[in-house]
Amino acid sequence: MGVIRQGLLAPNHNNAVAEAHPEKYAMIAGQQIELPGDARFYFQDKRGCWFWSTRKPRVKDDDWTPNKNPVQINNERGYLRCLITPSKDSRSASWQDTVMRVINPDHMPLAMP
C-alpha cells in the first residue's frame, strides 16, 4: 500500500512542529493517518481515493464538491501519491456513505494489551 506521510500540511505551516505534536488523525484501512489541524472530515470518492476537508462535503455532479484535499502517502518508490483503498461493495454501502469525522488525539482509543 505505501508508507503514510507524516506532517501533511499546507506550505505555510511549520512541518517540524506538526510532526512533533500531531493535531488530528484519521483511521483508514486500519492505519492511523495524521491530518492538518483544520481538517474536520475525511472521505472516499468513487475511485477509491481519500480526501479531507474543513467543511462537510456535498455531492455535486456525481462527485464530492471541489473543496477537498488529498490524503497523501509516499509509495514504494518514494513518490507522493493520493491514498487509494478498495471501495466498499456497492451492494452494502456506496462511496457517498464514507464521510467520517476526524479524531482528536485526546480521543484516540487505548491500545489493547
N, C-alpha and C. Protein backbone atom coordinates (compact mmCIF):
# COMPACT_ATOMS: atom_id res chain seq x y z
N MET A 1 0.82 -1.18 0.00
CA MET A 1 0.00 0.00 0.00
C MET A 1 0.87 1.25 0.00
N GLY A 2 1.85 1.34 0.87
CA GLY A 2 2.71 2.52 0.93
C GLY A 2 2.93 2.97 2.36
N VAL A 3 3.83 3.88 2.51
CA VAL A 3 4.14 4.43 3.83
C VAL A 3 3.35 5.71 4.01
N ILE A 4 2.74 5.87 5.16
CA ILE A 4 1.94 7.06 5.43
C ILE A 4 2.88 8.25 5.61
N ARG A 5 2.59 9.32 4.93
CA ARG A 5 3.39 10.54 5.05
C ARG A 5 2.96 11.29 6.29
N GLN A 6 3.89 11.59 7.15
CA GLN A 6 3.59 12.35 8.36
C GLN A 6 3.75 13.83 8.06
N GLY A 7 2.99 14.65 8.73
CA GLY A 7 3.10 16.09 8.56
C GLY A 7 2.47 16.58 7.28
N LEU A 8 1.31 16.08 6.92
CA LEU A 8 0.60 16.51 5.72
C LEU A 8 0.01 17.88 5.99
N LEU A 9 0.73 18.93 5.59
CA LEU A 9 0.31 20.28 5.92
C LEU A 9 0.44 21.19 4.71
N ALA A 10 -0.26 22.29 4.79
CA ALA A 10 -0.13 23.32 3.76
C ALA A 10 1.27 23.92 3.84
N PRO A 11 1.77 24.50 2.74
CA PRO A 11 3.14 25.02 2.72
C PRO A 11 3.43 26.09 3.75
N ASN A 12 2.44 26.83 4.24
CA ASN A 12 2.70 27.90 5.18
C ASN A 12 2.76 27.43 6.63
N HIS A 13 2.60 26.13 6.89
CA HIS A 13 2.67 25.61 8.25
C HIS A 13 4.09 25.16 8.55
N ASN A 14 4.41 25.06 9.83
CA ASN A 14 5.70 24.59 10.26
C ASN A 14 5.63 23.08 10.42
N ASN A 15 6.22 22.32 9.48
CA ASN A 15 6.13 20.87 9.49
C ASN A 15 6.81 20.24 10.70
N ALA A 16 7.90 20.82 11.19
CA ALA A 16 8.61 20.25 12.33
C ALA A 16 7.73 20.26 13.57
N VAL A 17 7.00 21.32 13.78
CA VAL A 17 6.11 21.40 14.93
C VAL A 17 4.97 20.41 14.79
N ALA A 18 4.41 20.27 13.60
CA ALA A 18 3.28 19.37 13.39
C ALA A 18 3.69 17.92 13.59
N GLU A 19 4.90 17.54 13.16
CA GLU A 19 5.33 16.16 13.33
C GLU A 19 5.61 15.85 14.80
N ALA A 20 6.11 16.81 15.54
CA ALA A 20 6.39 16.59 16.96
C ALA A 20 5.10 16.57 17.77
N HIS A 21 4.12 17.36 17.38
CA HIS A 21 2.85 17.45 18.10
C HIS A 21 1.69 17.32 17.11
N PRO A 22 1.38 16.09 16.67
CA PRO A 22 0.29 15.93 15.71
C PRO A 22 -1.03 16.38 16.32
N GLU A 23 -1.89 16.93 15.47
CA GLU A 23 -3.12 17.51 15.97
C GLU A 23 -4.34 16.62 15.78
N LYS A 24 -4.52 16.06 14.60
CA LYS A 24 -5.72 15.27 14.32
C LYS A 24 -5.34 14.03 13.52
N TYR A 25 -6.19 13.01 13.65
CA TYR A 25 -5.93 11.74 12.98
C TYR A 25 -7.17 11.22 12.27
N ALA A 26 -6.92 10.38 11.28
CA ALA A 26 -7.96 9.62 10.61
C ALA A 26 -7.54 8.17 10.65
N MET A 27 -8.48 7.26 10.77
CA MET A 27 -8.20 5.83 10.72
C MET A 27 -8.72 5.32 9.39
N ILE A 28 -7.80 4.97 8.49
CA ILE A 28 -8.17 4.48 7.16
C ILE A 28 -7.47 3.14 6.96
N ALA A 29 -8.24 2.12 6.65
CA ALA A 29 -7.73 0.77 6.41
C ALA A 29 -6.88 0.29 7.57
N GLY A 30 -7.29 0.63 8.79
CA GLY A 30 -6.57 0.19 9.97
C GLY A 30 -5.29 0.94 10.26
N GLN A 31 -5.01 2.00 9.52
CA GLN A 31 -3.80 2.79 9.72
C GLN A 31 -4.17 4.16 10.26
N GLN A 32 -3.36 4.64 11.19
CA GLN A 32 -3.56 5.97 11.76
C GLN A 32 -2.84 6.98 10.87
N ILE A 33 -3.58 7.95 10.34
CA ILE A 33 -3.03 8.92 9.41
C ILE A 33 -3.17 10.31 10.00
N GLU A 34 -2.07 11.03 10.07
CA GLU A 34 -2.06 12.38 10.60
C GLU A 34 -2.62 13.36 9.58
N LEU A 35 -3.47 14.27 10.05
CA LEU A 35 -4.07 15.28 9.20
C LEU A 35 -3.78 16.67 9.77
N PRO A 36 -3.90 17.72 8.97
CA PRO A 36 -3.68 19.08 9.47
C PRO A 36 -4.69 19.45 10.55
N GLY A 37 -4.37 20.47 11.32
CA GLY A 37 -5.23 20.89 12.42
C GLY A 37 -6.59 21.39 12.01
N ASP A 38 -6.73 21.90 10.77
CA ASP A 38 -8.02 22.42 10.35
C ASP A 38 -8.90 21.37 9.67
N ALA A 39 -8.43 20.14 9.54
CA ALA A 39 -9.23 19.07 8.92
C ALA A 39 -10.34 18.64 9.88
N ARG A 40 -11.54 18.51 9.35
CA ARG A 40 -12.68 18.08 10.16
C ARG A 40 -13.33 16.81 9.65
N PHE A 41 -13.26 16.57 8.34
CA PHE A 41 -13.89 15.40 7.74
C PHE A 41 -12.91 14.72 6.80
N TYR A 42 -13.04 13.40 6.67
CA TYR A 42 -12.31 12.68 5.63
C TYR A 42 -13.28 11.71 4.97
N PHE A 43 -13.02 11.43 3.68
CA PHE A 43 -14.00 10.68 2.90
C PHE A 43 -13.33 10.08 1.67
N GLN A 44 -14.00 9.12 1.07
CA GLN A 44 -13.51 8.40 -0.10
C GLN A 44 -14.40 8.71 -1.29
N ASP A 45 -13.77 8.86 -2.46
CA ASP A 45 -14.59 9.07 -3.66
C ASP A 45 -14.86 7.74 -4.34
N LYS A 46 -15.57 7.76 -5.44
CA LYS A 46 -15.98 6.52 -6.09
C LYS A 46 -14.82 5.76 -6.73
N ARG A 47 -13.66 6.42 -6.93
CA ARG A 47 -12.48 5.75 -7.47
C ARG A 47 -11.63 5.10 -6.38
N GLY A 48 -11.96 5.36 -5.10
CA GLY A 48 -11.20 4.79 -4.00
C GLY A 48 -10.18 5.74 -3.40
N CYS A 49 -10.08 6.97 -3.91
CA CYS A 49 -9.13 7.97 -3.39
C CYS A 49 -9.70 8.60 -2.12
N TRP A 50 -8.82 8.89 -1.16
CA TRP A 50 -9.24 9.50 0.11
C TRP A 50 -8.90 10.98 0.13
N PHE A 51 -9.80 11.78 0.70
CA PHE A 51 -9.64 13.23 0.79
C PHE A 51 -10.02 13.71 2.19
N TRP A 52 -9.60 14.92 2.53
CA TRP A 52 -10.03 15.57 3.77
C TRP A 52 -10.51 16.97 3.43
N SER A 53 -11.34 17.53 4.32
CA SER A 53 -11.83 18.89 4.11
C SER A 53 -12.15 19.53 5.45
N THR A 54 -12.30 20.85 5.42
CA THR A 54 -12.65 21.59 6.64
C THR A 54 -14.16 21.66 6.82
N ARG A 55 -14.91 21.54 5.73
CA ARG A 55 -16.37 21.56 5.79
C ARG A 55 -16.92 20.22 5.34
N LYS A 56 -18.11 19.89 5.81
CA LYS A 56 -18.72 18.63 5.40
C LYS A 56 -18.97 18.66 3.90
N PRO A 57 -18.46 17.67 3.17
CA PRO A 57 -18.61 17.68 1.70
C PRO A 57 -20.03 17.35 1.26
N ARG A 58 -20.36 17.84 0.10
CA ARG A 58 -21.65 17.55 -0.52
C ARG A 58 -21.39 16.91 -1.88
N VAL A 59 -22.37 16.18 -2.36
CA VAL A 59 -22.26 15.55 -3.68
C VAL A 59 -22.73 16.54 -4.72
N LYS A 60 -21.90 16.72 -5.76
CA LYS A 60 -22.25 17.61 -6.87
C LYS A 60 -21.70 16.99 -8.15
N ASP A 61 -22.53 16.86 -9.14
CA ASP A 61 -22.16 16.27 -10.42
C ASP A 61 -21.56 14.87 -10.25
N ASP A 62 -22.19 14.05 -9.40
CA ASP A 62 -21.78 12.67 -9.16
C ASP A 62 -20.36 12.55 -8.61
N ASP A 63 -19.94 13.53 -7.82
CA ASP A 63 -18.64 13.52 -7.15
C ASP A 63 -18.74 14.46 -5.95
N TRP A 64 -17.73 14.47 -5.09
CA TRP A 64 -17.71 15.40 -3.97
C TRP A 64 -17.45 16.81 -4.46
N THR A 65 -17.87 17.79 -3.68
CA THR A 65 -17.63 19.19 -4.03
C THR A 65 -16.13 19.43 -4.15
N PRO A 66 -15.72 20.45 -4.89
CA PRO A 66 -14.29 20.64 -5.16
C PRO A 66 -13.45 21.08 -3.98
N ASN A 67 -14.03 21.45 -2.86
CA ASN A 67 -13.25 21.90 -1.70
C ASN A 67 -12.74 20.69 -0.92
N LYS A 68 -11.77 19.97 -1.49
CA LYS A 68 -11.23 18.78 -0.84
C LYS A 68 -9.72 18.73 -1.07
N ASN A 69 -9.02 18.09 -0.15
CA ASN A 69 -7.57 17.95 -0.23
C ASN A 69 -7.23 16.47 -0.15
N PRO A 70 -6.28 15.99 -0.95
CA PRO A 70 -5.98 14.55 -0.92
C PRO A 70 -5.23 14.15 0.34
N VAL A 71 -5.54 12.95 0.84
CA VAL A 71 -4.74 12.32 1.89
C VAL A 71 -3.59 11.66 1.15
N GLN A 72 -2.35 12.06 1.44
CA GLN A 72 -1.22 11.62 0.64
C GLN A 72 -0.30 10.67 1.40
N ILE A 73 0.29 9.72 0.65
CA ILE A 73 1.26 8.79 1.20
C ILE A 73 2.47 8.75 0.27
N ASN A 74 3.58 8.27 0.78
CA ASN A 74 4.75 8.00 -0.06
C ASN A 74 4.67 6.56 -0.50
N ASN A 75 4.74 6.32 -1.81
CA ASN A 75 4.67 4.95 -2.30
C ASN A 75 6.03 4.27 -2.18
N GLU A 76 6.15 3.04 -2.68
CA GLU A 76 7.38 2.27 -2.55
C GLU A 76 8.58 2.96 -3.20
N ARG A 77 8.35 3.73 -4.25
CA ARG A 77 9.44 4.44 -4.93
C ARG A 77 9.73 5.81 -4.32
N GLY A 78 8.96 6.21 -3.31
CA GLY A 78 9.20 7.48 -2.65
C GLY A 78 8.41 8.64 -3.21
N TYR A 79 7.55 8.39 -4.19
CA TYR A 79 6.73 9.45 -4.77
C TYR A 79 5.50 9.70 -3.91
N LEU A 80 5.10 10.94 -3.83
CA LEU A 80 3.93 11.32 -3.05
C LEU A 80 2.68 11.10 -3.89
N ARG A 81 1.76 10.28 -3.38
CA ARG A 81 0.54 9.94 -4.11
C ARG A 81 -0.67 10.00 -3.17
N CYS A 82 -1.83 10.11 -3.75
CA CYS A 82 -3.08 10.08 -3.00
C CYS A 82 -3.32 8.66 -2.48
N LEU A 83 -3.79 8.56 -1.24
CA LEU A 83 -4.09 7.25 -0.64
C LEU A 83 -5.31 6.66 -1.34
N ILE A 84 -5.15 5.44 -1.85
CA ILE A 84 -6.23 4.75 -2.54
C ILE A 84 -6.43 3.39 -1.88
N THR A 85 -7.65 3.10 -1.48
CA THR A 85 -8.01 1.79 -0.95
C THR A 85 -9.20 1.27 -1.74
N PRO A 86 -9.42 -0.03 -1.73
CA PRO A 86 -10.58 -0.55 -2.46
C PRO A 86 -11.87 0.05 -1.94
N SER A 87 -12.75 0.40 -2.86
CA SER A 87 -14.06 0.93 -2.47
C SER A 87 -14.89 -0.18 -1.85
N LYS A 88 -15.83 0.21 -0.99
CA LYS A 88 -16.70 -0.79 -0.39
C LYS A 88 -17.59 -1.39 -1.45
N ASP A 89 -18.10 -2.57 -1.17
CA ASP A 89 -19.00 -3.25 -2.07
C ASP A 89 -20.22 -2.37 -2.34
N SER A 90 -20.56 -2.18 -3.58
CA SER A 90 -21.65 -1.27 -3.94
C SER A 90 -23.00 -1.74 -3.40
N ARG A 91 -23.12 -3.03 -3.09
CA ARG A 91 -24.39 -3.51 -2.54
C ARG A 91 -24.54 -3.16 -1.07
N SER A 92 -23.40 -3.07 -0.32
CA SER A 92 -23.51 -2.81 1.11
C SER A 92 -23.48 -1.33 1.44
N ALA A 93 -22.65 -0.56 0.75
CA ALA A 93 -22.56 0.87 1.02
C ALA A 93 -21.98 1.57 -0.21
N SER A 94 -22.38 2.78 -0.43
CA SER A 94 -21.84 3.50 -1.58
C SER A 94 -20.71 4.42 -1.13
N TRP A 95 -19.99 4.97 -2.07
CA TRP A 95 -18.89 5.88 -1.75
C TRP A 95 -19.41 7.13 -1.05
N GLN A 96 -20.69 7.43 -1.21
CA GLN A 96 -21.28 8.61 -0.57
C GLN A 96 -21.47 8.42 0.94
N ASP A 97 -21.35 7.18 1.42
CA ASP A 97 -21.53 6.90 2.84
C ASP A 97 -20.20 6.86 3.60
N THR A 98 -19.11 7.31 2.99
CA THR A 98 -17.80 7.20 3.64
C THR A 98 -17.38 8.46 4.39
N VAL A 99 -18.22 9.47 4.50
CA VAL A 99 -17.85 10.70 5.20
C VAL A 99 -17.73 10.40 6.70
N MET A 100 -16.56 10.73 7.28
CA MET A 100 -16.30 10.48 8.69
C MET A 100 -15.66 11.70 9.32
N ARG A 101 -15.82 11.84 10.63
CA ARG A 101 -15.20 12.94 11.38
C ARG A 101 -13.76 12.58 11.70
N VAL A 102 -12.92 13.61 11.80
CA VAL A 102 -11.52 13.43 12.18
C VAL A 102 -11.44 13.20 13.68
N ILE A 103 -10.48 12.37 14.11
CA ILE A 103 -10.31 12.02 15.51
C ILE A 103 -9.28 12.94 16.14
N ASN A 104 -9.62 13.56 17.27
CA ASN A 104 -8.65 14.35 18.02
C ASN A 104 -7.76 13.38 18.81
N PRO A 105 -6.47 13.70 19.01
CA PRO A 105 -5.58 12.77 19.72
C PRO A 105 -6.02 12.50 21.15
N ASP A 106 -6.76 13.42 21.77
CA ASP A 106 -7.25 13.19 23.12
C ASP A 106 -8.30 12.09 23.17
N HIS A 107 -8.91 11.79 22.04
CA HIS A 107 -9.98 10.79 21.98
C HIS A 107 -9.55 9.50 21.29
N MET A 108 -8.24 9.30 21.12
CA MET A 108 -7.74 8.08 20.49
C MET A 108 -8.02 6.90 21.40
N PRO A 109 -8.40 5.75 20.85
CA PRO A 109 -8.65 4.57 21.68
C PRO A 109 -7.34 4.07 22.27
N LEU A 110 -7.43 3.54 23.47
CA LEU A 110 -6.24 2.98 24.12
C LEU A 110 -5.88 1.65 23.49
N ALA A 111 -4.59 1.35 23.45
CA ALA A 111 -4.13 0.09 22.87
C ALA A 111 -4.52 -1.06 23.80
N MET A 112 -4.94 -2.14 23.20
CA MET A 112 -5.31 -3.32 23.97
C MET A 112 -4.04 -4.12 24.27
N PRO A 113 -3.90 -4.67 25.50
CA PRO A 113 -2.68 -5.45 25.83
C PRO A 113 -2.66 -6.77 25.12
